[in-house]
Amino acid sequence: MQRHSTNFLRVVAILLVINSHMDTLYPAKFAVLATGGMMGNALFFMLSGWGLLLSMRENPRSFGAWYGRRITRIYPPVWITVILLTFPLGIYGGSITLDNSLDEMRKFFYPPFWFLEALMIYYVLIFFVIRDFSYKRLVSVSLAVGTVYTLYYVFLLDLSKFSIEGTPFRVIFYFLVMLWGLYLGAESEKLRFRGTWDVVLLLVSISCIYGHKYLMQRGVLLSWQWVEHLASFPMLFFFARVARSSFVSQTIMGSRHLGKALTFVSGMTLEIFMVNNSIDILDAKLGPFPINVIALLSINVAIALLILYCAKPIRKFLEGKRSVATFPPNKMQLPSEVALTTR
């Protein structure tokens, strides 16, 4: 059930993020439907925290081995994406020229996607929370980050316009979301679908987010932008509960064909997100609605699949290098410690 629920939520996150970039694909009068990016991002970071905690519990590692594994997972598809998409589309669009080509090479080391830049920083910080996880430590770190959030919001954020999704403020918020994912991961065995009220409260949370958006677009409650962020936490909690309903875990994810298809797509979350952030230039060339939406989704998944398979041999090579790097073991290590560093 846990695997089905998290795979389902990853697919929901993918759909929300992609949909938020479709404003030029929908007919002009329906452009308002291109929304959900913040909710999709929140699901992505929440699930990241959830998975990291459970992974550390099942297979404890030193920081070097743990962070190296994160690099091995992320950077090969980043490199392939830069080669297949970022450079060709940048040259085609004129943003990459012979004069700045050397500067653009930094994208191989500094991912050209904000969520990955944030994630690589989060990994460093969150390791020291999950290494010896306790609720007390989680609360202490969350309060410290919440204090930074509050001070930035009150003294530095421009509340005369929609600012909460602007960097660097959103980086603070999504780290709080990732910490919330640690809590949900720690409580994952206790999470159960409680029936209709979970669905109702999920919809209430989403309504709070969109209710404020509606008012803010009319110049009302601009200084209350924190409402959207605050409502995200119960939204994520009830998303996690609803994803454990029999309808999701059995009817959808347990379906022979649909369940397998969604699980397959959920395994390409990172690749799909990177492709989605790279192919905006195609939007005007994909035909009328809804053909353009179907074409975009098909192209996105096809390129993501190509990136996934091209990155596999690079990842295996790097994983082999990391394993070799742990030998010979330090003479002071106990056998159990050696085992933990080479898994």
C-alpha atoms as a PDB file:
ATOM      1  CA  MET A   1       0.000   0.000   0.000  1.00  0.00           C
ATOM      2  CA  GLN A   2       2.807   2.411   0.866  1.00  0.00           C
ATOM      3  CA  ARG A   3       4.536   1.800  -2.466  1.00  0.00           C
ATOM      4  CA  HIS A   4       1.266   2.223  -4.376  1.00  0.00           C
ATOM      5  CA  SER A   5       0.395   5.440  -2.512  1.00  0.00           C
ATOM      6  CA  THR A   6       3.772   7.126  -3.014  1.00  0.00           C
ATOM      7  CA  ASN A   7       3.891   6.125  -6.696  1.00  0.00           C
ATOM      8  CA  PHE A   8       0.402   7.545  -7.144  1.00  0.00           C
ATOM      9  CA  LEU A   9       1.366  10.815  -5.445  1.00  0.00           C
ATOM     10  CA  ARG A  10       4.459  11.130  -7.641  1.00  0.00           C
ATOM     11  CA  VAL A  11       2.249  10.898 -10.714  1.00  0.00           C
ATOM     12  CA  VAL A  12      -0.099  13.532  -9.241  1.00  0.00           C
ATOM     13  CA  ALA A  13       2.934  15.785  -8.661  1.00  0.00           C
ATOM     14  CA  ILE A  14       4.092  15.271 -12.258  1.00  0.00           C
ATOM     15  CA  LEU A  15       0.663  16.117 -13.684  1.00  0.00           C
ATOM     16  CA  LEU A  16       0.274  19.232 -11.527  1.00  0.00           C
ATOM     17  CA  VAL A  17       3.703  20.618 -12.434  1.00  0.00           C
ATOM     18  CA  ILE A  18       3.268  19.929 -16.151  1.00  0.00           C
ATOM     19  CA  ASN A  19      -0.240  21.399 -16.103  1.00  0.00           C
ATOM     20  CA  SER A  20       1.049  24.615 -14.501  1.00  0.00           C
ATOM     21  CA  HIS A  21       3.233  25.191 -17.592  1.00  0.00           C
ATOM     22  CA  MET A  22       0.388  24.745 -20.094  1.00  0.00           C
ATOM     23  CA  ASP A  23      -0.930  28.313 -20.105  1.00  0.00           C
ATOM     24  CA  THR A  24       0.083  28.746 -23.767  1.00  0.00           C
ATOM     25  CA  LEU A  25      -1.439  25.398 -24.757  1.00  0.00           C
ATOM     26  CA  TYR A  26      -4.952  25.899 -23.418  1.00  0.00           C
ATOM     27  CA  PRO A  27      -7.371  28.158 -25.322  1.00  0.00           C
ATOM     28  CA  ALA A  28      -7.024  31.738 -24.039  1.00  0.00           C
ATOM     29  CA  LYS A  29     -10.296  31.642 -22.092  1.00  0.00           C
ATOM     30  CA  PHE A  30      -9.189  28.450 -20.305  1.00  0.00           C
ATOM     31  CA  ALA A  31      -5.610  29.536 -19.589  1.00  0.00           C
ATOM     32  CA  VAL A  32      -6.569  29.835 -15.912  1.00  0.00           C
ATOM     33  CA  LEU A  33      -6.623  26.009 -15.807  1.00  0.00           C
ATOM     34  CA  ALA A  34      -2.822  25.998 -16.143  1.00  0.00           C
ATOM     35  CA  THR A  35      -2.203  25.859 -12.417  1.00  0.00           C
ATOM     36  CA  GLY A  36      -1.082  23.558  -9.614  1.00  0.00           C
ATOM     37  CA  GLY A  37       2.681  24.084  -9.800  1.00  0.00           C
ATOM     38  CA  MET A  38       3.095  24.903  -6.123  1.00  0.00           C
ATOM     39  CA  MET A  39       1.068  21.857  -5.064  1.00  0.00           C
ATOM     40  CA  GLY A  40       3.047  19.620  -7.421  1.00  0.00           C
ATOM     41  CA  ASN A  41       6.361  20.963  -6.156  1.00  0.00           C
ATOM     42  CA  ALA A  42       5.200  20.514  -2.561  1.00  0.00           C
ATOM     43  CA  LEU A  43       4.280  16.876  -3.242  1.00  0.00           C
ATOM     44  CA  PHE A  44       7.666  16.330  -4.888  1.00  0.00           C
ATOM     45  CA  PHE A  45       9.662  17.693  -1.945  1.00  0.00           C
ATOM     46  CA  MET A  46       7.415  16.033   0.644  1.00  0.00           C
ATOM     47  CA  LEU A  47       7.884  12.639  -1.016  1.00  0.00           C
ATOM     48  CA  SER A  48      11.630  13.262  -1.219  1.00  0.00           C
ATOM     49  CA  GLY A  49      11.838  13.771   2.542  1.00  0.00           C
ATOM     50  CA  TRP A  50       9.593  10.769   3.169  1.00  0.00           C
ATOM     51  CA  GLY A  51      11.710   8.483   0.993  1.00  0.00           C
ATOM     52  CA  LEU A  52      15.033   9.714   2.371  1.00  0.00           C
ATOM     53  CA  LEU A  53      14.055   8.927   5.951  1.00  0.00           C
ATOM     54  CA  LEU A  54      12.830   5.417   5.164  1.00  0.00           C
ATOM     55  CA  SER A  55      15.904   4.758   3.023  1.00  0.00           C
ATOM     56  CA  MET A  56      18.246   5.795   5.834  1.00  0.00           C
ATOM     57  CA  ARG A  57      16.366   3.612   8.309  1.00  0.00           C
ATOM     58  CA  GLU A  58      16.618   0.588   6.039  1.00  0.00           C
ATOM     59  CA  ASN A  59      20.215   1.184   4.979  1.00  0.00           C
ATOM     60  CA  PRO A  60      22.236   3.570   7.208  1.00  0.00           C
ATOM     61  CA  ARG A  61      25.225   5.205   5.527  1.00  0.00           C
ATOM     62  CA  SER A  62      27.977   7.661   6.318  1.00  0.00           C
ATOM     63  CA  PHE A  63      27.506  11.160   4.902  1.00  0.00           C
ATOM     64  CA  GLY A  64      30.010  10.589   2.083  1.00  0.00           C
ATOM     65  CA  ALA A  65      28.383   7.367   0.909  1.00  0.00           C
ATOM     66  CA  TRP A  66      24.889   8.812   1.340  1.00  0.00           C
ATOM     67  CA  TYR A  67      25.550  12.074  -0.499  1.00  0.00           C
ATOM     68  CA  GLY A  68      27.535  10.247  -3.161  1.00  0.00           C
ATOM     69  CA  ARG A  69      24.487   8.095  -3.828  1.00  0.00           C
ATOM     70  CA  ARG A  70      22.372  11.233  -4.269  1.00  0.00           C
ATOM     71  CA  ILE A  71      24.891  12.657  -6.759  1.00  0.00           C
ATOM     72  CA  THR A  72      24.981   9.364  -8.647  1.00  0.00           C
ATOM     73  CA  ARG A  73      21.192   9.385  -8.903  1.00  0.00           C
ATOM     74  CA  ILE A  74      20.808  12.996 -10.029  1.00  0.00           C
ATOM     75  CA  TYR A  75      23.798  14.030 -12.120  1.00  0.00           C
ATOM     76  CA  PRO A  76      23.845  11.417 -14.941  1.00  0.00           C
ATOM     77  CA  PRO A  77      20.317  12.359 -16.134  1.00  0.00           C
ATOM     78  CA  VAL A  78      21.241  16.041 -15.705  1.00  0.00           C
ATOM     79  CA  TRP A  79      24.242  15.586 -17.995  1.00  0.00           C
ATOM     80  CA  ILE A  80      22.166  13.760 -20.609  1.00  0.00           C
ATOM     81  CA  THR A  81      19.451  16.438 -20.425  1.00  0.00           C
ATOM     82  CA  VAL A  82      22.022  19.211 -20.908  1.00  0.00           C
ATOM     83  CA  ILE A  83      23.490  17.410 -23.938  1.00  0.00           C
ATOM     84  CA  LEU A  84      20.192  16.413 -25.564  1.00  0.00           C
ATOM     85  CA  LEU A  85      18.027  19.425 -24.690  1.00  0.00           C
ATOM     86  CA  THR A  86      19.657  22.391 -22.956  1.00  0.00           C
ATOM     87  CA  PHE A  87      22.491  22.934 -25.447  1.00  0.00           C
ATOM     88  CA  PRO A  88      20.565  22.200 -28.693  1.00  0.00           C
ATOM     89  CA  LEU A  89      17.527  24.275 -27.682  1.00  0.00           C
ATOM     90  CA  GLY A  90      19.761  27.038 -26.310  1.00  0.00           C
ATOM     91  CA  ILE A  91      21.657  27.232 -29.603  1.00  0.00           C
ATOM     92  CA  TYR A  92      18.382  27.166 -31.547  1.00  0.00           C
ATOM     93  CA  GLY A  93      16.881  29.898 -29.378  1.00  0.00           C
ATOM     94  CA  GLY A  94      20.015  32.036 -29.440  1.00  0.00           C
ATOM     95  CA  SER A  95      20.716  31.957 -25.700  1.00  0.00           C
ATOM     96  CA  ILE A  96      23.862  29.857 -26.244  1.00  0.00           C
ATOM     97  CA  THR A  97      26.428  31.254 -28.653  1.00  0.00           C
ATOM     98  CA  LEU A  98      30.088  30.674 -29.409  1.00  0.00           C
ATOM     99  CA  ASP A  99      30.979  33.575 -27.126  1.00  0.00           C
ATOM    100  CA  ASN A 100      29.298  32.175 -24.017  1.00  0.00           C
ATOM    101  CA  SER A 101      29.619  28.450 -24.762  1.00  0.00           C
ATOM    102  CA  LEU A 102      32.387  27.928 -22.191  1.00  0.00           C
ATOM    103  CA  ASP A 103      30.332  29.667 -19.505  1.00  0.00           C
ATOM    104  CA  GLU A 104      27.397  27.415 -20.362  1.00  0.00           C
ATOM    105  CA  MET A 105      29.534  24.351 -19.617  1.00  0.00           C
ATOM    106  CA  ARG A 106      28.992  25.052 -15.917  1.00  0.00           C
ATOM    107  CA  LYS A 107      25.537  23.516 -16.323  1.00  0.00           C
ATOM    108  CA  PHE A 108      27.191  20.105 -16.198  1.00  0.00           C
ATOM    109  CA  PHE A 109      28.102  20.830 -12.571  1.00  0.00           C
ATOM    110  CA  TYR A 110      25.473  23.410 -11.581  1.00  0.00           C
ATOM    111  CA  PRO A 111      22.106  21.963 -12.705  1.00  0.00           C
ATOM    112  CA  PRO A 112      20.059  24.464 -14.752  1.00  0.00           C
ATOM    113  CA  PHE A 113      16.916  23.533 -12.812  1.00  0.00           C
ATOM    114  CA  TRP A 114      16.061  25.388  -9.598  1.00  0.00           C
ATOM    115  CA  PHE A 115      14.517  22.378  -7.860  1.00  0.00           C
ATOM    116  CA  LEU A 116      17.709  20.350  -8.276  1.00  0.00           C
ATOM    117  CA  GLU A 117      19.871  23.229  -7.066  1.00  0.00           C
ATOM    118  CA  ALA A 118      17.667  23.403  -3.986  1.00  0.00           C
ATOM    119  CA  LEU A 119      17.617  19.629  -3.569  1.00  0.00           C
ATOM    120  CA  MET A 120      21.417  19.317  -3.506  1.00  0.00           C
ATOM    121  CA  ILE A 121      21.499  21.854  -0.650  1.00  0.00           C
ATOM    122  CA  TYR A 122      18.597  20.188   1.156  1.00  0.00           C
ATOM    123  CA  TYR A 123      20.426  16.854   1.048  1.00  0.00           C
ATOM    124  CA  VAL A 124      23.337  18.282   3.014  1.00  0.00           C
ATOM    125  CA  LEU A 125      21.112  19.858   5.654  1.00  0.00           C
ATOM    126  CA  ILE A 126      18.627  17.052   6.006  1.00  0.00           C
ATOM    127  CA  PHE A 127      21.250  14.335   6.481  1.00  0.00           C
ATOM    128  CA  PHE A 128      21.950  15.668   9.966  1.00  0.00           C
ATOM    129  CA  VAL A 129      18.248  15.366  10.795  1.00  0.00           C
ATOM    130  CA  ILE A 130      17.742  11.813   9.546  1.00  0.00           C
ATOM    131  CA  ARG A 131      21.122  10.396  10.637  1.00  0.00           C
ATOM    132  CA  ASP A 132      19.963  10.089  14.255  1.00  0.00           C
ATOM    133  CA  PHE A 133      16.314  10.893  13.682  1.00  0.00           C
ATOM    134  CA  SER A 134      14.130  11.950  16.575  1.00  0.00           C
ATOM    135  CA  TYR A 135      10.936  13.978  16.734  1.00  0.00           C
ATOM    136  CA  LYS A 136      12.681  16.406  19.067  1.00  0.00           C
ATOM    137  CA  ARG A 137      15.415  17.087  16.525  1.00  0.00           C
ATOM    138  CA  LEU A 138      12.859  17.412  13.736  1.00  0.00           C
ATOM    139  CA  VAL A 139      10.824  19.945  15.736  1.00  0.00           C
ATOM    140  CA  SER A 140      13.946  21.945  16.635  1.00  0.00           C
ATOM    141  CA  VAL A 141      15.117  22.191  13.036  1.00  0.00           C
ATOM    142  CA  SER A 142      11.595  22.976  11.803  1.00  0.00           C
ATOM    143  CA  LEU A 143      11.248  25.813  14.332  1.00  0.00           C
ATOM    144  CA  ALA A 144      14.629  27.240  13.279  1.00  0.00           C
ATOM    145  CA  VAL A 145      13.700  27.146   9.581  1.00  0.00           C
ATOM    146  CA  GLY A 146      10.229  28.490  10.399  1.00  0.00           C
ATOM    147  CA  THR A 147      11.849  31.450  12.170  1.00  0.00           C
ATOM    148  CA  VAL A 148      13.936  32.204   9.078  1.00  0.00           C
ATOM    149  CA  TYR A 149      10.767  31.925   6.972  1.00  0.00           C
ATOM    150  CA  THR A 150       8.902  34.369   9.221  1.00  0.00           C
ATOM    151  CA  LEU A 151      11.699  36.956   9.341  1.00  0.00           C
ATOM    152  CA  TYR A 152      12.164  36.836   5.578  1.00  0.00           C
ATOM    153  CA  TYR A 153       8.402  37.110   5.024  1.00  0.00           C
ATOM    154  CA  VAL A 154       7.973  40.087   7.358  1.00  0.00           C
ATOM    155  CA  PHE A 155      11.073  42.113   6.533  1.00  0.00           C
ATOM    156  CA  LEU A 156      12.277  41.153   3.028  1.00  0.00           C
ATOM    157  CA  LEU A 157       9.383  39.866   0.928  1.00  0.00           C
ATOM    158  CA  ASP A 158       7.622  42.243  -1.451  1.00  0.00           C
ATOM    159  CA  LEU A 159       3.975  41.745  -0.519  1.00  0.00           C
ATOM    160  CA  SER A 160       2.676  44.210  -3.095  1.00  0.00           C
ATOM    161  CA  LYS A 161       2.667  41.353  -5.633  1.00  0.00           C
ATOM    162  CA  PHE A 162       2.624  37.551  -5.672  1.00  0.00           C
ATOM    163  CA  SER A 163       6.087  36.821  -4.236  1.00  0.00           C
ATOM    164  CA  ILE A 164       5.993  33.577  -2.273  1.00  0.00           C
ATOM    165  CA  GLU A 165       7.038  31.458  -5.262  1.00  0.00           C
ATOM    166  CA  GLY A 166      10.047  33.677  -5.921  1.00  0.00           C
ATOM    167  CA  THR A 167      13.553  32.470  -5.189  1.00  0.00           C
ATOM    168  CA  PRO A 168      15.076  32.419  -2.586  1.00  0.00           C
ATOM    169  CA  PHE A 169      11.929  32.558  -0.443  1.00  0.00           C
ATOM    170  CA  ARG A 170      10.372  29.448  -1.946  1.00  0.00           C
ATOM    171  CA  VAL A 171      13.570  27.541  -1.149  1.00  0.00           C
ATOM    172  CA  ILE A 172      12.905  28.133   2.556  1.00  0.00           C
ATOM    173  CA  PHE A 173       9.282  27.005   2.216  1.00  0.00           C
ATOM    174  CA  TYR A 174      10.056  23.819   0.300  1.00  0.00           C
ATOM    175  CA  PHE A 175      12.678  22.850   2.860  1.00  0.00           C
ATOM    176  CA  LEU A 176       9.934  23.089   5.488  1.00  0.00           C
ATOM    177  CA  VAL A 177       7.832  20.873   3.227  1.00  0.00           C
ATOM    178  CA  MET A 178      10.677  18.368   3.018  1.00  0.00           C
ATOM    179  CA  LEU A 179      10.881  18.335   6.813  1.00  0.00           C
ATOM    180  CA  TRP A 180       7.121  17.709   6.873  1.00  0.00           C
ATOM    181  CA  GLY A 181       7.845  14.746   4.587  1.00  0.00           C
ATOM    182  CA  LEU A 182      10.210  13.388   7.238  1.00  0.00           C
ATOM    183  CA  TYR A 183       7.381  13.497   9.763  1.00  0.00           C
ATOM    184  CA  LEU A 184       4.946  11.765   7.414  1.00  0.00           C
ATOM    185  CA  GLY A 185       7.598   9.157   6.632  1.00  0.00           C
ATOM    186  CA  ALA A 186       8.164   8.546  10.343  1.00  0.00           C
ATOM    187  CA  GLU A 187       4.391   8.156  10.794  1.00  0.00           C
ATOM    188  CA  SER A 188       3.852   6.223   7.558  1.00  0.00           C
ATOM    189  CA  GLU A 189       2.814   3.009   9.313  1.00  0.00           C
ATOM    190  CA  LYS A 190       0.044   4.898  11.102  1.00  0.00           C
ATOM    191  CA  LEU A 191      -1.324   6.747   8.070  1.00  0.00           C
ATOM    192  CA  ARG A 192      -4.722   5.343   7.155  1.00  0.00           C
ATOM    193  CA  PHE A 193      -7.559   6.513   4.982  1.00  0.00           C
ATOM    194  CA  ARG A 194     -10.395   7.539   7.307  1.00  0.00           C
ATOM    195  CA  GLY A 195     -13.155   7.879   4.754  1.00  0.00           C
ATOM    196  CA  THR A 196     -15.092  10.754   3.238  1.00  0.00           C
ATOM    197  CA  TRP A 197     -13.835  13.330   5.737  1.00  0.00           C
ATOM    198  CA  ASP A 198     -10.267  12.910   4.484  1.00  0.00           C
ATOM    199  CA  VAL A 199     -11.437  13.750   0.971  1.00  0.00           C
ATOM    200  CA  VAL A 200     -13.459  16.708   2.245  1.00  0.00           C
ATOM    201  CA  LEU A 201     -10.552  18.102   4.275  1.00  0.00           C
ATOM    202  CA  LEU A 202      -8.198  17.658   1.302  1.00  0.00           C
ATOM    203  CA  LEU A 203     -10.604  19.682  -0.835  1.00  0.00           C
ATOM    204  CA  VAL A 204     -10.930  22.311   1.918  1.00  0.00           C
ATOM    205  CA  SER A 205      -7.133  22.702   2.021  1.00  0.00           C
ATOM    206  CA  ILE A 206      -6.965  23.076  -1.755  1.00  0.00           C
ATOM    207  CA  SER A 207      -9.882  25.532  -1.634  1.00  0.00           C
ATOM    208  CA  CYS A 208      -7.963  27.686   0.868  1.00  0.00           C
ATOM    209  CA  ILE A 209      -5.042  27.870  -1.549  1.00  0.00           C
ATOM    210  CA  TYR A 210      -7.173  28.765  -4.553  1.00  0.00           C
ATOM    211  CA  GLY A 211      -9.532  30.974  -2.565  1.00  0.00           C
ATOM    212  CA  HIS A 212      -6.603  33.152  -1.600  1.00  0.00           C
ATOM    213  CA  LYS A 213      -5.285  33.132  -5.176  1.00  0.00           C
ATOM    214  CA  TYR A 214      -8.675  34.353  -6.376  1.00  0.00           C
ATOM    215  CA  LEU A 215      -8.771  37.187  -3.841  1.00  0.00           C
ATOM    216  CA  MET A 216      -5.151  38.133  -4.446  1.00  0.00           C
ATOM    217  CA  GLN A 217      -5.718  38.470  -8.201  1.00  0.00           C
ATOM    218  CA  ARG A 218      -8.266  41.122  -7.269  1.00  0.00           C
ATOM    219  CA  GLY A 219      -5.845  42.946  -5.004  1.00  0.00           C
ATOM    220  CA  VAL A 220      -7.342  41.579  -1.779  1.00  0.00           C
ATOM    221  CA  LEU A 221      -5.273  40.050   1.052  1.00  0.00           C
ATOM    222  CA  LEU A 222      -1.944  40.427  -0.751  1.00  0.00           C
ATOM    223  CA  SER A 223      -0.166  40.503   2.600  1.00  0.00           C
ATOM    224  CA  TRP A 224      -1.749  37.149   3.513  1.00  0.00           C
ATOM    225  CA  GLN A 225       0.243  35.098   1.020  1.00  0.00           C
ATOM    226  CA  TRP A 226       1.364  32.845   3.864  1.00  0.00           C
ATOM    227  CA  VAL A 227      -2.138  31.318   3.791  1.00  0.00           C
ATOM    228  CA  GLU A 228      -1.229  29.338   0.662  1.00  0.00           C
ATOM    229  CA  HIS A 229       1.876  27.925   2.272  1.00  0.00           C
ATOM    230  CA  LEU A 230       0.165  27.134   5.550  1.00  0.00           C
ATOM    231  CA  ALA A 231      -2.688  25.336   3.781  1.00  0.00           C
ATOM    232  CA  SER A 232      -0.131  23.205   1.914  1.00  0.00           C
ATOM    233  CA  PHE A 233       0.747  21.209   5.029  1.00  0.00           C
ATOM    234  CA  PRO A 234      -2.748  19.803   5.736  1.00  0.00           C
ATOM    235  CA  MET A 235      -3.155  19.379   1.964  1.00  0.00           C
ATOM    236  CA  LEU A 236      -0.085  17.110   1.875  1.00  0.00           C
ATOM    237  CA  PHE A 237      -1.240  15.219   4.960  1.00  0.00           C
ATOM    238  CA  PHE A 238      -4.670  14.475   3.513  1.00  0.00           C
ATOM    239  CA  PHE A 239      -3.187  13.701   0.084  1.00  0.00           C
ATOM    240  CA  ALA A 240      -1.091  11.041   1.844  1.00  0.00           C
ATOM    241  CA  ARG A 241      -4.190   9.621   3.541  1.00  0.00           C
ATOM    242  CA  VAL A 242      -6.406   9.653   0.443  1.00  0.00           C
ATOM    243  CA  ALA A 243      -3.623   7.947  -1.538  1.00  0.00           C
ATOM    244  CA  ARG A 244      -4.057   4.991   0.852  1.00  0.00           C
ATOM    245  CA  SER A 245      -7.725   4.552   0.099  1.00  0.00           C
ATOM    246  CA  SER A 246      -8.816   1.289  -1.507  1.00  0.00           C
ATOM    247  CA  PHE A 247      -9.875   3.260  -4.598  1.00  0.00           C
ATOM    248  CA  VAL A 248      -6.296   4.441  -5.149  1.00  0.00           C
ATOM    249  CA  SER A 249      -4.333   1.437  -3.883  1.00  0.00           C
ATOM    250  CA  GLN A 250      -6.553  -1.244  -5.410  1.00  0.00           C
ATOM    251  CA  THR A 251      -8.784   0.172  -8.143  1.00  0.00           C
ATOM    252  CA  ILE A 252      -6.171   2.506  -9.684  1.00  0.00           C
ATOM    253  CA  MET A 253      -2.698   1.309  -8.680  1.00  0.00           C
ATOM    254  CA  GLY A 254      -3.805  -2.315  -8.390  1.00  0.00           C
ATOM    255  CA  SER A 255      -5.114  -2.273 -11.940  1.00  0.00           C
ATOM    256  CA  ARG A 256      -3.163  -4.610 -14.196  1.00  0.00           C
ATOM    257  CA  HIS A 257      -2.529  -2.064 -16.931  1.00  0.00           C
ATOM    258  CA  LEU A 258      -3.225   1.373 -15.455  1.00  0.00           C
ATOM    259  CA  GLY A 259      -1.340   0.617 -12.250  1.00  0.00           C
ATOM    260  CA  LYS A 260       1.722  -0.592 -14.147  1.00  0.00           C
ATOM    261  CA  ALA A 261       1.635   2.426 -16.438  1.00  0.00           C
ATOM    262  CA  LEU A 262       1.426   4.879 -13.529  1.00  0.00           C
ATOM    263  CA  THR A 263       4.199   3.079 -11.629  1.00  0.00           C
ATOM    264  CA  PHE A 264       6.354   3.219 -14.763  1.00  0.00           C
ATOM    265  CA  VAL A 265       5.766   6.964 -15.129  1.00  0.00           C
ATOM    266  CA  SER A 266       6.384   7.586 -11.421  1.00  0.00           C
ATOM    267  CA  GLY A 267       9.856   6.088 -11.818  1.00  0.00           C
ATOM    268  CA  MET A 268      10.755   8.901 -14.233  1.00  0.00           C
ATOM    269  CA  THR A 269       9.738  11.808 -11.996  1.00  0.00           C
ATOM    270  CA  LEU A 270      13.137  13.506 -12.106  1.00  0.00           C
ATOM    271  CA  GLU A 271      13.550  13.069 -15.862  1.00  0.00           C
ATOM    272  CA  ILE A 272      10.014  14.278 -16.648  1.00  0.00           C
ATOM    273  CA  PHE A 273      10.462  17.378 -14.484  1.00  0.00           C
ATOM    274  CA  MET A 274      13.715  18.278 -16.262  1.00  0.00           C
ATOM    275  CA  VAL A 275      12.234  17.731 -19.727  1.00  0.00           C
ATOM    276  CA  ASN A 276       9.154  19.758 -18.798  1.00  0.00           C
ATOM    277  CA  ASN A 277      11.383  22.687 -17.821  1.00  0.00           C
ATOM    278  CA  SER A 278      13.319  22.446 -21.091  1.00  0.00           C
ATOM    279  CA  ILE A 279      10.794  22.140 -23.944  1.00  0.00           C
ATOM    280  CA  ASP A 280       8.655  25.263 -23.525  1.00  0.00           C
ATOM    281  CA  ILE A 281       9.989  26.388 -26.899  1.00  0.00           C
ATOM    282  CA  LEU A 282       7.843  23.677 -28.543  1.00  0.00           C
ATOM    283  CA  ASP A 283       4.514  24.922 -27.169  1.00  0.00           C
ATOM    284  CA  ALA A 284       3.635  27.087 -30.168  1.00  0.00           C
ATOM    285  CA  LYS A 285       4.499  24.317 -32.655  1.00  0.00           C
ATOM    286  CA  LEU A 286       2.306  21.483 -31.400  1.00  0.00           C
ATOM    287  CA  GLY A 287      -0.968  22.317 -33.111  1.00  0.00           C
ATOM    288  CA  PRO A 288      -4.425  23.202 -31.739  1.00  0.00           C
ATOM    289  CA  PHE A 289      -5.915  22.173 -28.401  1.00  0.00           C
ATOM    290  CA  PRO A 290      -6.201  19.344 -27.283  1.00  0.00           C
ATOM    291  CA  ILE A 291      -3.781  17.815 -29.813  1.00  0.00           C
ATOM    292  CA  ASN A 292      -1.017  20.064 -28.477  1.00  0.00           C
ATOM    293  CA  VAL A 293      -1.499  18.778 -24.914  1.00  0.00           C
ATOM    294  CA  ILE A 294      -1.418  15.134 -26.015  1.00  0.00           C
ATOM    295  CA  ALA A 295       1.662  15.839 -28.152  1.00  0.00           C
ATOM    296  CA  LEU A 296       3.454  17.612 -25.292  1.00  0.00           C
ATOM    297  CA  LEU A 297       2.783  14.786 -22.830  1.00  0.00           C
ATOM    298  CA  SER A 298       3.903  12.177 -25.363  1.00  0.00           C
ATOM    299  CA  ILE A 299       7.098  14.062 -26.222  1.00  0.00           C
ATOM    300  CA  ASN A 300       7.821  14.669 -22.538  1.00  0.00           C
ATOM    301  CA  VAL A 301       7.521  10.994 -21.569  1.00  0.00           C
ATOM    302  CA  ALA A 302       9.427   9.795 -24.670  1.00  0.00           C
ATOM    303  CA  ILE A 303      12.394  12.117 -24.056  1.00  0.00           C
ATOM    304  CA  ALA A 304      12.351  11.364 -20.320  1.00  0.00           C
ATOM    305  CA  LEU A 305      12.523   7.650 -21.130  1.00  0.00           C
ATOM    306  CA  LEU A 306      15.457   8.257 -23.485  1.00  0.00           C
ATOM    307  CA  ILE A 307      17.276  10.235 -20.786  1.00  0.00           C
ATOM    308  CA  LEU A 308      16.579   7.522 -18.212  1.00  0.00           C
ATOM    309  CA  TYR A 309      18.108   4.783 -20.362  1.00  0.00           C
ATOM    310  CA  CYS A 310      21.047   6.887 -21.556  1.00  0.00           C
ATOM    311  CA  ALA A 311      21.879   7.743 -17.939  1.00  0.00           C
ATOM    312  CA  LYS A 312      21.773   4.126 -16.756  1.00  0.00           C
ATOM    313  CA  PRO A 313      25.272   3.069 -17.885  1.00  0.00           C
ATOM    314  CA  ILE A 314      26.774   6.298 -16.507  1.00  0.00           C
ATOM    315  CA  ARG A 315      25.072   5.709 -13.168  1.00  0.00           C
ATOM    316  CA  LYS A 316      26.261   2.102 -13.031  1.00  0.00           C
ATOM    317  CA  PHE A 317      29.812   3.220 -13.813  1.00  0.00           C
ATOM    318  CA  LEU A 318      29.739   5.845 -11.065  1.00  0.00           C
ATOM    319  CA  GLU A 319      28.226   3.397  -8.593  1.00  0.00           C
ATOM    320  CA  GLY A 320      31.031   0.972  -9.381  1.00  0.00           C
ATOM    321  CA  LYS A 321      33.589   3.707  -8.788  1.00  0.00           C
ATOM    322  CA  ARG A 322      31.989   4.573  -5.457  1.00  0.00           C
ATOM    323  CA  SER A 323      32.061   0.932  -4.364  1.00  0.00           C
ATOM    324  CA  VAL A 324      35.736   0.594  -5.305  1.00  0.00           C
ATOM    325  CA  ALA A 325      36.522   3.838  -3.478  1.00  0.00           C
ATOM    326  CA  THR A 326      35.437   2.288  -0.176  1.00  0.00           C
ATOM    327  CA  PHE A 327      38.193  -0.356  -0.379  1.00  0.00           C
ATOM    328  CA  PRO A 328      40.493  -1.075   1.269  1.00  0.00           C
ATOM    329  CA  PRO A 329      38.548  -0.205   4.432  1.00  0.00           C
ATOM    330  CA  ASN A 330      40.031   1.941   7.147  1.00  0.00           C
ATOM    331  CA  LYS A 331      41.855  -0.278   9.638  1.00  0.00           C
ATOM    332  CA  MET A 332      39.891   1.268  12.488  1.00  0.00           C
ATOM    333  CA  GLN A 333      36.522   0.313  11.003  1.00  0.00           C
ATOM    334  CA  LEU A 334      34.581  -2.581  12.427  1.00  0.00           C
ATOM    335  CA  PRO A 335      33.265  -5.162   9.918  1.00  0.00           C
ATOM    336  CA  SER A 336      29.710  -3.874  10.396  1.00  0.00           C
ATOM    337  CA  GLU A 337      30.842  -0.334   9.592  1.00  0.00           C
ATOM    338  CA  VAL A 338      32.522  -1.530   6.404  1.00  0.00           C
ATOM    339  CA  ALA A 339      29.284  -3.231   5.364  1.00  0.00           C
ATOM    340  CA  LEU A 340      27.305  -0.057   5.908  1.00  0.00           C
ATOM    341  CA  THR A 341      29.631   2.080   3.790  1.00  0.00           C
ATOM    342  CA  THR A 342      29.638  -0.276   0.795  1.00  0.00           C
ATOM    343  CA  ARG A 343      25.960  -1.064   0.369  1.00  0.00           C
END
